[in-house]
Amino acid sequence: MSILINKNTRVITQGITGKSGQFHTRACREYANGRAAYVAGVNPKKACEDFEGIPIFGTVKEARAQTGATVSVVYVPPAAAAAAIWEAVEADLDLVICITEGIPVRDMIEVRDRMRHEDRKTLLIGPNCPGVITPDELKIGIMPGHIHKKGRIGVVSRSGTLTYEAVAQLTDLGLGQSSAVGIGGDPINGLKHIDIIKLFNNDPATDAVIMIGEIGGPDEANASYWIKDNMKKPVVGFIAGVTALPGKRMGHAGALISGDADTAEAKLEIMRSCGIKVTKNPSEIGCLLKSAL
């Protein structure tokens, strides 16, 4: 079992002929079941060509019809990335993972609101995220595959690099991961912490969860309240930005304290009150998780 993706997932790369699309599609194909999983690319200007044997289609709808793919990954440049997400939604894919950073907030507001208004089934991870990996099965995104190890710990994080830090610690401790999900740091994004936590809670192959958050926004608090009332498994938490100043953006677009509840200290206190074990030291995440088992 896993969440969101597994060895049988079939993937479309939107923007496969760009520098990032080429590089990361190549790397993902070399990981685990990647050669069987990456079945199509999309570039309207290069339809009927191929990228290292992967056929390129003019639209996502054509790519899905011809290959049976149910997931896409987006490496399209920022100005066109929101339209690429919507194209995947219109093609009724199960999941779209948007790696692109720097998409205009207005574009993402329009896409997200349209998805909700039309009650579309497609789930969105990102944008501005590292992607999703189910170790030894499939990776979709930019994370380094070699630090991952098959295991029974779920990881969900707003921060790409802190995702890698937590994963590497789990691997070094011999615990491994069931799946690791980077949800992205933009203020307007798809699935939140709470959505991924629910999936891990229902996954019989996940025994515990690491939840990594950042300053800014209510998402970690919302997930914590749900965990208190519903979670059946141990959760360990970390919030980046303890030293951040109010009103100063730290890192990416979503990491901005706009009120007292957005600070790292406030979020850590909420997490503690909801029964989540927390640490202020990112180097202790793995050991804290091990102690919670």
C-alpha atoms as a PDB file:
ATOM      1  CA  MET A   1       0.000   0.000   0.000  1.00  0.00           C
ATOM      2  CA  SER A   2       0.947   3.644  -0.403  1.00  0.00           C
ATOM      3  CA  ILE A   3      -0.786   6.970  -0.848  1.00  0.00           C
ATOM      4  CA  LEU A   4      -1.357   8.841  -4.126  1.00  0.00           C
ATOM      5  CA  ILE A   5       1.145   6.902  -6.282  1.00  0.00           C
ATOM      6  CA  ASN A   6       2.579   3.386  -6.564  1.00  0.00           C
ATOM      7  CA  LYS A   7       4.483   1.135  -8.960  1.00  0.00           C
ATOM      8  CA  ASN A   8       1.436   0.798 -11.226  1.00  0.00           C
ATOM      9  CA  THR A   9       0.920   4.553 -11.699  1.00  0.00           C
ATOM     10  CA  ARG A  10       1.315   5.850 -15.247  1.00  0.00           C
ATOM     11  CA  VAL A  11       2.654   9.385 -15.617  1.00  0.00           C
ATOM     12  CA  ILE A  12       2.531  12.240 -18.146  1.00  0.00           C
ATOM     13  CA  THR A  13       5.223  14.934 -18.063  1.00  0.00           C
ATOM     14  CA  GLN A  14       3.862  18.341 -19.060  1.00  0.00           C
ATOM     15  CA  GLY A  15       6.774  20.403 -20.301  1.00  0.00           C
ATOM     16  CA  ILE A  16       8.885  17.330 -21.064  1.00  0.00           C
ATOM     17  CA  THR A  17      11.049  19.087 -23.658  1.00  0.00           C
ATOM     18  CA  GLY A  18      12.173  21.939 -21.378  1.00  0.00           C
ATOM     19  CA  LYS A  19      15.417  21.815 -19.436  1.00  0.00           C
ATOM     20  CA  SER A  20      13.791  20.883 -16.102  1.00  0.00           C
ATOM     21  CA  GLY A  21      11.290  18.505 -17.691  1.00  0.00           C
ATOM     22  CA  GLN A  22      14.021  16.606 -19.494  1.00  0.00           C
ATOM     23  CA  PHE A  23      16.383  16.438 -16.535  1.00  0.00           C
ATOM     24  CA  HIS A  24      13.890  15.287 -13.931  1.00  0.00           C
ATOM     25  CA  THR A  25      11.939  12.943 -16.211  1.00  0.00           C
ATOM     26  CA  ARG A  26      15.227  11.237 -17.023  1.00  0.00           C
ATOM     27  CA  ALA A  27      16.110  10.951 -13.312  1.00  0.00           C
ATOM     28  CA  CYS A  28      12.649   9.675 -12.381  1.00  0.00           C
ATOM     29  CA  ARG A  29      12.772   7.021 -15.102  1.00  0.00           C
ATOM     30  CA  GLU A  30      15.986   5.693 -13.589  1.00  0.00           C
ATOM     31  CA  TYR A  31      14.354   5.251 -10.173  1.00  0.00           C
ATOM     32  CA  ALA A  32      12.603   1.973  -9.331  1.00  0.00           C
ATOM     33  CA  ASN A  33       9.675   1.375 -11.726  1.00  0.00           C
ATOM     34  CA  GLY A  34      10.180   4.666 -13.564  1.00  0.00           C
ATOM     35  CA  ARG A  35      10.794   3.228 -17.031  1.00  0.00           C
ATOM     36  CA  ALA A  36       7.397   1.565 -17.066  1.00  0.00           C
ATOM     37  CA  ALA A  37       5.667   4.497 -15.338  1.00  0.00           C
ATOM     38  CA  TYR A  38       6.606   7.461 -17.537  1.00  0.00           C
ATOM     39  CA  VAL A  39       4.532   6.859 -20.630  1.00  0.00           C
ATOM     40  CA  ALA A  40       3.900  10.270 -22.213  1.00  0.00           C
ATOM     41  CA  GLY A  41       4.984  13.861 -22.553  1.00  0.00           C
ATOM     42  CA  VAL A  42       3.022  16.932 -23.627  1.00  0.00           C
ATOM     43  CA  ASN A  43       4.196  19.817 -25.787  1.00  0.00           C
ATOM     44  CA  PRO A  44       1.783  21.233 -28.399  1.00  0.00           C
ATOM     45  CA  LYS A  45       4.688  22.302 -30.616  1.00  0.00           C
ATOM     46  CA  LYS A  46       6.372  18.904 -30.634  1.00  0.00           C
ATOM     47  CA  ALA A  47       3.459  16.481 -30.927  1.00  0.00           C
ATOM     48  CA  CYS A  48       4.297  13.198 -32.676  1.00  0.00           C
ATOM     49  CA  GLU A  49       7.949  13.477 -31.633  1.00  0.00           C
ATOM     50  CA  ASP A  50       9.468  11.660 -28.650  1.00  0.00           C
ATOM     51  CA  PHE A  51      11.830  12.251 -25.757  1.00  0.00           C
ATOM     52  CA  GLU A  52      14.217   9.318 -25.352  1.00  0.00           C
ATOM     53  CA  GLY A  53      11.473   6.946 -26.416  1.00  0.00           C
ATOM     54  CA  ILE A  54       8.626   8.635 -24.527  1.00  0.00           C
ATOM     55  CA  PRO A  55       5.943   9.738 -27.034  1.00  0.00           C
ATOM     56  CA  ILE A  56       5.008  13.421 -27.010  1.00  0.00           C
ATOM     57  CA  PHE A  57       1.397  14.481 -27.502  1.00  0.00           C
ATOM     58  CA  GLY A  58      -0.188  17.817 -28.274  1.00  0.00           C
ATOM     59  CA  THR A  59      -2.593  17.747 -25.307  1.00  0.00           C
ATOM     60  CA  VAL A  60      -3.003  15.995 -21.978  1.00  0.00           C
ATOM     61  CA  LYS A  61      -6.341  14.588 -23.135  1.00  0.00           C
ATOM     62  CA  GLU A  62      -4.664  12.889 -26.104  1.00  0.00           C
ATOM     63  CA  ALA A  63      -1.857  11.583 -23.899  1.00  0.00           C
ATOM     64  CA  ARG A  64      -4.316  10.054 -21.467  1.00  0.00           C
ATOM     65  CA  ALA A  65      -6.442   8.498 -24.211  1.00  0.00           C
ATOM     66  CA  GLN A  66      -3.432   6.899 -25.888  1.00  0.00           C
ATOM     67  CA  THR A  67      -1.535   5.709 -22.793  1.00  0.00           C
ATOM     68  CA  GLY A  68      -4.029   5.313 -19.955  1.00  0.00           C
ATOM     69  CA  ALA A  69      -2.000   7.657 -17.727  1.00  0.00           C
ATOM     70  CA  THR A  70      -3.791   8.987 -14.640  1.00  0.00           C
ATOM     71  CA  VAL A  71      -1.176  11.366 -13.187  1.00  0.00           C
ATOM     72  CA  SER A  72       0.729  14.306 -14.623  1.00  0.00           C
ATOM     73  CA  VAL A  73       3.740  16.254 -13.417  1.00  0.00           C
ATOM     74  CA  VAL A  74       4.119  19.896 -14.472  1.00  0.00           C
ATOM     75  CA  TYR A  75       7.463  21.505 -15.305  1.00  0.00           C
ATOM     76  CA  VAL A  76       5.896  24.223 -17.459  1.00  0.00           C
ATOM     77  CA  PRO A  77       7.300  27.786 -16.937  1.00  0.00           C
ATOM     78  CA  PRO A  78       5.415  30.003 -14.448  1.00  0.00           C
ATOM     79  CA  ALA A  79       3.452  32.097 -16.954  1.00  0.00           C
ATOM     80  CA  ALA A  80       1.805  29.026 -18.487  1.00  0.00           C
ATOM     81  CA  ALA A  81       1.832  26.615 -15.534  1.00  0.00           C
ATOM     82  CA  ALA A  82      -1.659  27.388 -14.199  1.00  0.00           C
ATOM     83  CA  ALA A  83      -3.102  26.731 -17.660  1.00  0.00           C
ATOM     84  CA  ALA A  84      -1.187  23.439 -17.731  1.00  0.00           C
ATOM     85  CA  ILE A  85      -2.721  22.447 -14.402  1.00  0.00           C
ATOM     86  CA  TRP A  86      -6.189  23.228 -15.722  1.00  0.00           C
ATOM     87  CA  GLU A  87      -5.531  21.197 -18.866  1.00  0.00           C
ATOM     88  CA  ALA A  88      -4.748  18.176 -16.679  1.00  0.00           C
ATOM     89  CA  VAL A  89      -7.918  18.804 -14.661  1.00  0.00           C
ATOM     90  CA  GLU A  90     -10.021  19.017 -17.834  1.00  0.00           C
ATOM     91  CA  ALA A  91      -8.539  15.702 -18.947  1.00  0.00           C
ATOM     92  CA  ASP A  92      -9.940  14.145 -15.727  1.00  0.00           C
ATOM     93  CA  LEU A  93      -6.610  12.909 -14.426  1.00  0.00           C
ATOM     94  CA  ASP A  94      -6.621  11.579 -10.871  1.00  0.00           C
ATOM     95  CA  LEU A  95      -3.676  13.694  -9.746  1.00  0.00           C
ATOM     96  CA  VAL A  96      -1.540  16.574 -11.014  1.00  0.00           C
ATOM     97  CA  ILE A  97       1.758  17.395  -9.311  1.00  0.00           C
ATOM     98  CA  CYS A  98       3.013  20.902 -10.098  1.00  0.00           C
ATOM     99  CA  ILE A  99       6.721  21.438  -9.480  1.00  0.00           C
ATOM    100  CA  THR A 100       6.847  24.921 -11.025  1.00  0.00           C
ATOM    101  CA  GLU A 101       7.828  27.781  -8.731  1.00  0.00           C
ATOM    102  CA  GLY A 102       6.800  31.392  -9.202  1.00  0.00           C
ATOM    103  CA  ILE A 103       3.288  30.961 -10.608  1.00  0.00           C
ATOM    104  CA  PRO A 104       1.380  34.267 -10.193  1.00  0.00           C
ATOM    105  CA  VAL A 105      -0.943  34.085  -7.184  1.00  0.00           C
ATOM    106  CA  ARG A 106      -3.853  35.413  -9.243  1.00  0.00           C
ATOM    107  CA  ASP A 107      -3.437  32.538 -11.712  1.00  0.00           C
ATOM    108  CA  MET A 108      -3.542  29.974  -8.917  1.00  0.00           C
ATOM    109  CA  ILE A 109      -6.582  31.580  -7.301  1.00  0.00           C
ATOM    110  CA  GLU A 110      -8.456  31.309 -10.589  1.00  0.00           C
ATOM    111  CA  VAL A 111      -7.483  27.663 -11.116  1.00  0.00           C
ATOM    112  CA  ARG A 112      -8.276  26.571  -7.571  1.00  0.00           C
ATOM    113  CA  ASP A 113     -11.620  28.362  -7.534  1.00  0.00           C
ATOM    114  CA  ARG A 114     -12.537  26.875 -10.907  1.00  0.00           C
ATOM    115  CA  MET A 115     -11.660  23.371  -9.666  1.00  0.00           C
ATOM    116  CA  ARG A 116     -13.929  23.855  -6.660  1.00  0.00           C
ATOM    117  CA  HIS A 117     -16.764  25.525  -8.570  1.00  0.00           C
ATOM    118  CA  GLU A 118     -16.886  22.768 -11.191  1.00  0.00           C
ATOM    119  CA  ASP A 119     -16.389  20.040  -8.552  1.00  0.00           C
ATOM    120  CA  ARG A 120     -13.536  18.413 -10.442  1.00  0.00           C
ATOM    121  CA  LYS A 121     -12.180  15.058  -9.262  1.00  0.00           C
ATOM    122  CA  THR A 122      -8.509  15.844  -9.945  1.00  0.00           C
ATOM    123  CA  LEU A 123      -6.296  16.276  -6.888  1.00  0.00           C
ATOM    124  CA  LEU A 124      -3.500  18.847  -6.973  1.00  0.00           C
ATOM    125  CA  ILE A 125      -0.139  18.707  -5.206  1.00  0.00           C
ATOM    126  CA  GLY A 126       1.803  21.983  -5.300  1.00  0.00           C
ATOM    127  CA  PRO A 127       2.728  24.212  -6.968  1.00  0.00           C
ATOM    128  CA  ASN A 128       6.291  24.976  -5.851  1.00  0.00           C
ATOM    129  CA  CYS A 129       6.729  21.499  -4.429  1.00  0.00           C
ATOM    130  CA  PRO A 130       9.320  18.694  -4.639  1.00  0.00           C
ATOM    131  CA  GLY A 131       6.680  16.105  -5.526  1.00  0.00           C
ATOM    132  CA  VAL A 132       5.691  12.679  -4.217  1.00  0.00           C
ATOM    133  CA  ILE A 133       7.648   9.460  -3.760  1.00  0.00           C
ATOM    134  CA  THR A 134       6.734   5.938  -2.740  1.00  0.00           C
ATOM    135  CA  PRO A 135      10.171   4.421  -2.085  1.00  0.00           C
ATOM    136  CA  ASP A 136      11.296   1.510  -4.239  1.00  0.00           C
ATOM    137  CA  GLU A 137       8.210   1.977  -6.418  1.00  0.00           C
ATOM    138  CA  LEU A 138       7.993   5.408  -8.052  1.00  0.00           C
ATOM    139  CA  LYS A 139       9.078   9.011  -7.674  1.00  0.00           C
ATOM    140  CA  ILE A 140       7.415  11.960  -9.326  1.00  0.00           C
ATOM    141  CA  GLY A 141       9.335  15.168  -8.804  1.00  0.00           C
ATOM    142  CA  ILE A 142      12.742  16.528  -7.949  1.00  0.00           C
ATOM    143  CA  MET A 143      13.632  14.761  -4.685  1.00  0.00           C
ATOM    144  CA  PRO A 144      16.881  12.721  -4.548  1.00  0.00           C
ATOM    145  CA  GLY A 145      15.803   9.098  -4.781  1.00  0.00           C
ATOM    146  CA  HIS A 146      18.852   7.589  -3.110  1.00  0.00           C
ATOM    147  CA  ILE A 147      18.044   8.952   0.370  1.00  0.00           C
ATOM    148  CA  HIS A 148      14.701   7.141   0.456  1.00  0.00           C
ATOM    149  CA  LYS A 149      14.080   3.672   1.854  1.00  0.00           C
ATOM    150  CA  LYS A 150      10.962   1.545   1.892  1.00  0.00           C
ATOM    151  CA  GLY A 151       9.365   1.648   5.324  1.00  0.00           C
ATOM    152  CA  ARG A 152       6.239   2.456   7.288  1.00  0.00           C
ATOM    153  CA  ILE A 153       6.576   6.164   8.173  1.00  0.00           C
ATOM    154  CA  GLY A 154       4.623   8.789   6.266  1.00  0.00           C
ATOM    155  CA  VAL A 155       6.130  12.233   5.662  1.00  0.00           C
ATOM    156  CA  VAL A 156       4.226  15.395   4.715  1.00  0.00           C
ATOM    157  CA  SER A 157       5.983  18.735   4.463  1.00  0.00           C
ATOM    158  CA  ARG A 158       5.675  22.286   3.141  1.00  0.00           C
ATOM    159  CA  SER A 159       9.451  22.525   2.793  1.00  0.00           C
ATOM    160  CA  GLY A 160      11.351  20.605   0.126  1.00  0.00           C
ATOM    161  CA  THR A 161      14.737  20.558   1.840  1.00  0.00           C
ATOM    162  CA  LEU A 162      13.256  19.689   5.233  1.00  0.00           C
ATOM    163  CA  THR A 163      11.429  16.811   3.571  1.00  0.00           C
ATOM    164  CA  TYR A 164      14.796  15.472   2.469  1.00  0.00           C
ATOM    165  CA  GLU A 165      16.245  16.041   5.955  1.00  0.00           C
ATOM    166  CA  ALA A 166      13.475  14.058   7.649  1.00  0.00           C
ATOM    167  CA  VAL A 167      13.613  11.295   5.050  1.00  0.00           C
ATOM    168  CA  ALA A 168      17.386  10.929   5.372  1.00  0.00           C
ATOM    169  CA  GLN A 169      17.105  10.676   9.153  1.00  0.00           C
ATOM    170  CA  LEU A 170      14.451   7.974   8.900  1.00  0.00           C
ATOM    171  CA  THR A 171      16.582   6.057   6.411  1.00  0.00           C
ATOM    172  CA  ASP A 172      19.664   6.312   8.646  1.00  0.00           C
ATOM    173  CA  LEU A 173      17.606   4.960  11.549  1.00  0.00           C
ATOM    174  CA  GLY A 174      16.465   2.017   9.417  1.00  0.00           C
ATOM    175  CA  LEU A 175      12.800   3.074   9.551  1.00  0.00           C
ATOM    176  CA  GLY A 176      12.153   4.136   5.964  1.00  0.00           C
ATOM    177  CA  GLN A 177       9.045   5.726   4.493  1.00  0.00           C
ATOM    178  CA  SER A 178       5.702   4.487   3.184  1.00  0.00           C
ATOM    179  CA  SER A 179       5.324   7.642   1.074  1.00  0.00           C
ATOM    180  CA  ALA A 180       6.730  11.173   1.307  1.00  0.00           C
ATOM    181  CA  VAL A 181       4.706  14.143   0.058  1.00  0.00           C
ATOM    182  CA  GLY A 182       5.937  17.698  -0.446  1.00  0.00           C
ATOM    183  CA  ILE A 183       2.799  19.828  -0.602  1.00  0.00           C
ATOM    184  CA  GLY A 184       4.594  23.025  -1.610  1.00  0.00           C
ATOM    185  CA  GLY A 185       5.087  26.397  -0.022  1.00  0.00           C
ATOM    186  CA  ASP A 186       2.917  28.718  -2.082  1.00  0.00           C
ATOM    187  CA  PRO A 187      -0.003  30.413  -0.309  1.00  0.00           C
ATOM    188  CA  ILE A 188      -2.483  29.097  -2.895  1.00  0.00           C
ATOM    189  CA  ASN A 189      -1.964  25.388  -3.424  1.00  0.00           C
ATOM    190  CA  GLY A 190      -3.722  22.059  -3.672  1.00  0.00           C
ATOM    191  CA  LEU A 191      -3.820  19.389  -0.971  1.00  0.00           C
ATOM    192  CA  LYS A 192      -3.006  20.605   2.543  1.00  0.00           C
ATOM    193  CA  HIS A 193      -1.423  18.893   5.541  1.00  0.00           C
ATOM    194  CA  ILE A 194      -4.825  17.738   6.741  1.00  0.00           C
ATOM    195  CA  ASP A 195      -5.606  16.027   3.430  1.00  0.00           C
ATOM    196  CA  ILE A 196      -2.356  14.057   3.425  1.00  0.00           C
ATOM    197  CA  ILE A 197      -2.687  13.216   7.132  1.00  0.00           C
ATOM    198  CA  LYS A 198      -6.116  11.705   6.429  1.00  0.00           C
ATOM    199  CA  LEU A 199      -4.640   9.542   3.669  1.00  0.00           C
ATOM    200  CA  PHE A 200      -1.851   8.328   5.955  1.00  0.00           C
ATOM    201  CA  ASN A 201      -4.342   7.631   8.737  1.00  0.00           C
ATOM    202  CA  ASN A 202      -6.270   5.320   6.402  1.00  0.00           C
ATOM    203  CA  ASP A 203      -3.177   3.655   4.943  1.00  0.00           C
ATOM    204  CA  PRO A 204      -2.497   0.249   6.556  1.00  0.00           C
ATOM    205  CA  ALA A 205       1.156   0.447   5.460  1.00  0.00           C
ATOM    206  CA  THR A 206       1.780   3.628   7.492  1.00  0.00           C
ATOM    207  CA  ASP A 207       2.467   3.308  11.233  1.00  0.00           C
ATOM    208  CA  ALA A 208       3.342   6.921  12.096  1.00  0.00           C
ATOM    209  CA  VAL A 209       3.660  10.332  10.460  1.00  0.00           C
ATOM    210  CA  ILE A 210       6.089  13.251  10.391  1.00  0.00           C
ATOM    211  CA  MET A 211       4.378  16.597   9.704  1.00  0.00           C
ATOM    212  CA  ILE A 212       6.666  19.498   8.804  1.00  0.00           C
ATOM    213  CA  GLY A 213       5.265  22.996   8.568  1.00  0.00           C
ATOM    214  CA  GLU A 214       6.372  26.606   8.392  1.00  0.00           C
ATOM    215  CA  ILE A 215       5.326  30.035   9.552  1.00  0.00           C
ATOM    216  CA  GLY A 216       2.361  31.569   7.778  1.00  0.00           C
ATOM    217  CA  GLY A 217      -1.204  30.409   7.311  1.00  0.00           C
ATOM    218  CA  PRO A 218      -3.536  28.158   9.357  1.00  0.00           C
ATOM    219  CA  ASP A 219      -2.870  24.812   7.668  1.00  0.00           C
ATOM    220  CA  GLU A 220      -0.763  23.180  10.380  1.00  0.00           C
ATOM    221  CA  ALA A 221      -3.220  24.237  13.075  1.00  0.00           C
ATOM    222  CA  ASN A 222      -6.172  22.864  11.117  1.00  0.00           C
ATOM    223  CA  ALA A 223      -4.375  19.549  10.685  1.00  0.00           C
ATOM    224  CA  SER A 224      -3.481  19.451  14.377  1.00  0.00           C
ATOM    225  CA  TYR A 225      -7.085  19.855  15.507  1.00  0.00           C
ATOM    226  CA  TRP A 226      -8.122  17.032  13.156  1.00  0.00           C
ATOM    227  CA  ILE A 227      -5.302  14.840  14.471  1.00  0.00           C
ATOM    228  CA  LYS A 228      -6.434  15.396  18.061  1.00  0.00           C
ATOM    229  CA  ASP A 229      -9.959  14.168  17.313  1.00  0.00           C
ATOM    230  CA  ASN A 230      -9.329  11.508  14.673  1.00  0.00           C
ATOM    231  CA  MET A 231      -5.742  10.308  14.248  1.00  0.00           C
ATOM    232  CA  LYS A 232      -5.055   6.695  15.180  1.00  0.00           C
ATOM    233  CA  LYS A 233      -1.286   6.878  14.712  1.00  0.00           C
ATOM    234  CA  PRO A 234       1.577   8.813  16.355  1.00  0.00           C
ATOM    235  CA  VAL A 235       2.474  12.147  14.753  1.00  0.00           C
ATOM    236  CA  VAL A 236       5.710  14.077  15.178  1.00  0.00           C
ATOM    237  CA  GLY A 237       5.871  17.727  14.164  1.00  0.00           C
ATOM    238  CA  PHE A 238       8.336  20.470  13.320  1.00  0.00           C
ATOM    239  CA  ILE A 239       7.718  24.102  12.338  1.00  0.00           C
ATOM    240  CA  ALA A 240      10.389  26.042  10.492  1.00  0.00           C
ATOM    241  CA  GLY A 241      10.826  29.748  11.205  1.00  0.00           C
ATOM    242  CA  VAL A 242      11.145  30.045  14.991  1.00  0.00           C
ATOM    243  CA  THR A 243      13.386  33.106  14.564  1.00  0.00           C
ATOM    244  CA  ALA A 244      11.377  34.716  11.757  1.00  0.00           C
ATOM    245  CA  LEU A 245      10.205  38.307  12.235  1.00  0.00           C
ATOM    246  CA  PRO A 246       6.535  39.291  11.776  1.00  0.00           C
ATOM    247  CA  GLY A 247       5.855  40.818   8.374  1.00  0.00           C
ATOM    248  CA  LYS A 248       9.093  39.521   6.852  1.00  0.00           C
ATOM    249  CA  ARG A 249       8.839  36.836   4.205  1.00  0.00           C
ATOM    250  CA  MET A 250      11.181  33.931   4.889  1.00  0.00           C
ATOM    251  CA  GLY A 251      12.050  31.626   2.008  1.00  0.00           C
ATOM    252  CA  HIS A 252       9.180  31.037  -0.377  1.00  0.00           C
ATOM    253  CA  ALA A 253       5.926  32.818  -0.995  1.00  0.00           C
ATOM    254  CA  GLY A 254       3.823  31.236   1.749  1.00  0.00           C
ATOM    255  CA  ALA A 255       6.245  31.739   4.655  1.00  0.00           C
ATOM    256  CA  LEU A 256       5.010  35.078   5.968  1.00  0.00           C
ATOM    257  CA  ILE A 257       3.773  35.824   9.474  1.00  0.00           C
ATOM    258  CA  SER A 258       0.607  37.910   9.140  1.00  0.00           C
ATOM    259  CA  GLY A 259      -0.819  37.381  12.634  1.00  0.00           C
ATOM    260  CA  ASP A 260      -0.020  35.965  16.080  1.00  0.00           C
ATOM    261  CA  ALA A 261      -1.334  32.504  15.161  1.00  0.00           C
ATOM    262  CA  ASP A 262       1.032  32.304  12.164  1.00  0.00           C
ATOM    263  CA  THR A 263       4.227  32.206  14.225  1.00  0.00           C
ATOM    264  CA  ALA A 264       6.239  29.036  14.735  1.00  0.00           C
ATOM    265  CA  GLU A 265       5.789  29.209  18.529  1.00  0.00           C
ATOM    266  CA  ALA A 266       2.015  29.505  18.227  1.00  0.00           C
ATOM    267  CA  LYS A 267       1.819  26.580  15.828  1.00  0.00           C
ATOM    268  CA  LEU A 268       4.098  24.424  18.004  1.00  0.00           C
ATOM    269  CA  GLU A 269       1.925  25.152  21.035  1.00  0.00           C
ATOM    270  CA  ILE A 270      -1.233  24.145  19.140  1.00  0.00           C
ATOM    271  CA  MET A 271       0.465  20.950  17.980  1.00  0.00           C
ATOM    272  CA  ARG A 272       1.558  20.100  21.532  1.00  0.00           C
ATOM    273  CA  SER A 273      -1.938  20.711  22.878  1.00  0.00           C
ATOM    274  CA  CYS A 274      -3.289  18.302  20.258  1.00  0.00           C
ATOM    275  CA  GLY A 275      -1.011  15.462  21.353  1.00  0.00           C
ATOM    276  CA  ILE A 276       1.653  15.844  18.674  1.00  0.00           C
ATOM    277  CA  LYS A 277       5.262  15.411  19.773  1.00  0.00           C
ATOM    278  CA  VAL A 278       7.230  18.436  18.541  1.00  0.00           C
ATOM    279  CA  THR A 279      10.812  19.613  18.363  1.00  0.00           C
ATOM    280  CA  LYS A 280      12.455  22.935  17.545  1.00  0.00           C
ATOM    281  CA  ASN A 281      15.572  21.172  16.298  1.00  0.00           C
ATOM    282  CA  PRO A 282      15.262  19.690  12.794  1.00  0.00           C
ATOM    283  CA  SER A 283      18.121  17.269  13.478  1.00  0.00           C
ATOM    284  CA  GLU A 284      15.959  15.563  16.135  1.00  0.00           C
ATOM    285  CA  ILE A 285      12.957  14.770  13.924  1.00  0.00           C
ATOM    286  CA  GLY A 286      13.928  11.176  13.172  1.00  0.00           C
ATOM    287  CA  CYS A 287      14.875  10.258  16.732  1.00  0.00           C
ATOM    288  CA  LEU A 288      11.695  11.855  18.081  1.00  0.00           C
ATOM    289  CA  LEU A 289       9.643   9.789  15.645  1.00  0.00           C
ATOM    290  CA  LYS A 290      11.441   6.615  16.680  1.00  0.00           C
ATOM    291  CA  SER A 291      10.711   7.355  20.340  1.00  0.00           C
ATOM    292  CA  ALA A 292       7.004   7.778  19.498  1.00  0.00           C
ATOM    293  CA  LEU A 293       6.633   4.295  18.033  1.00  0.00           C
END
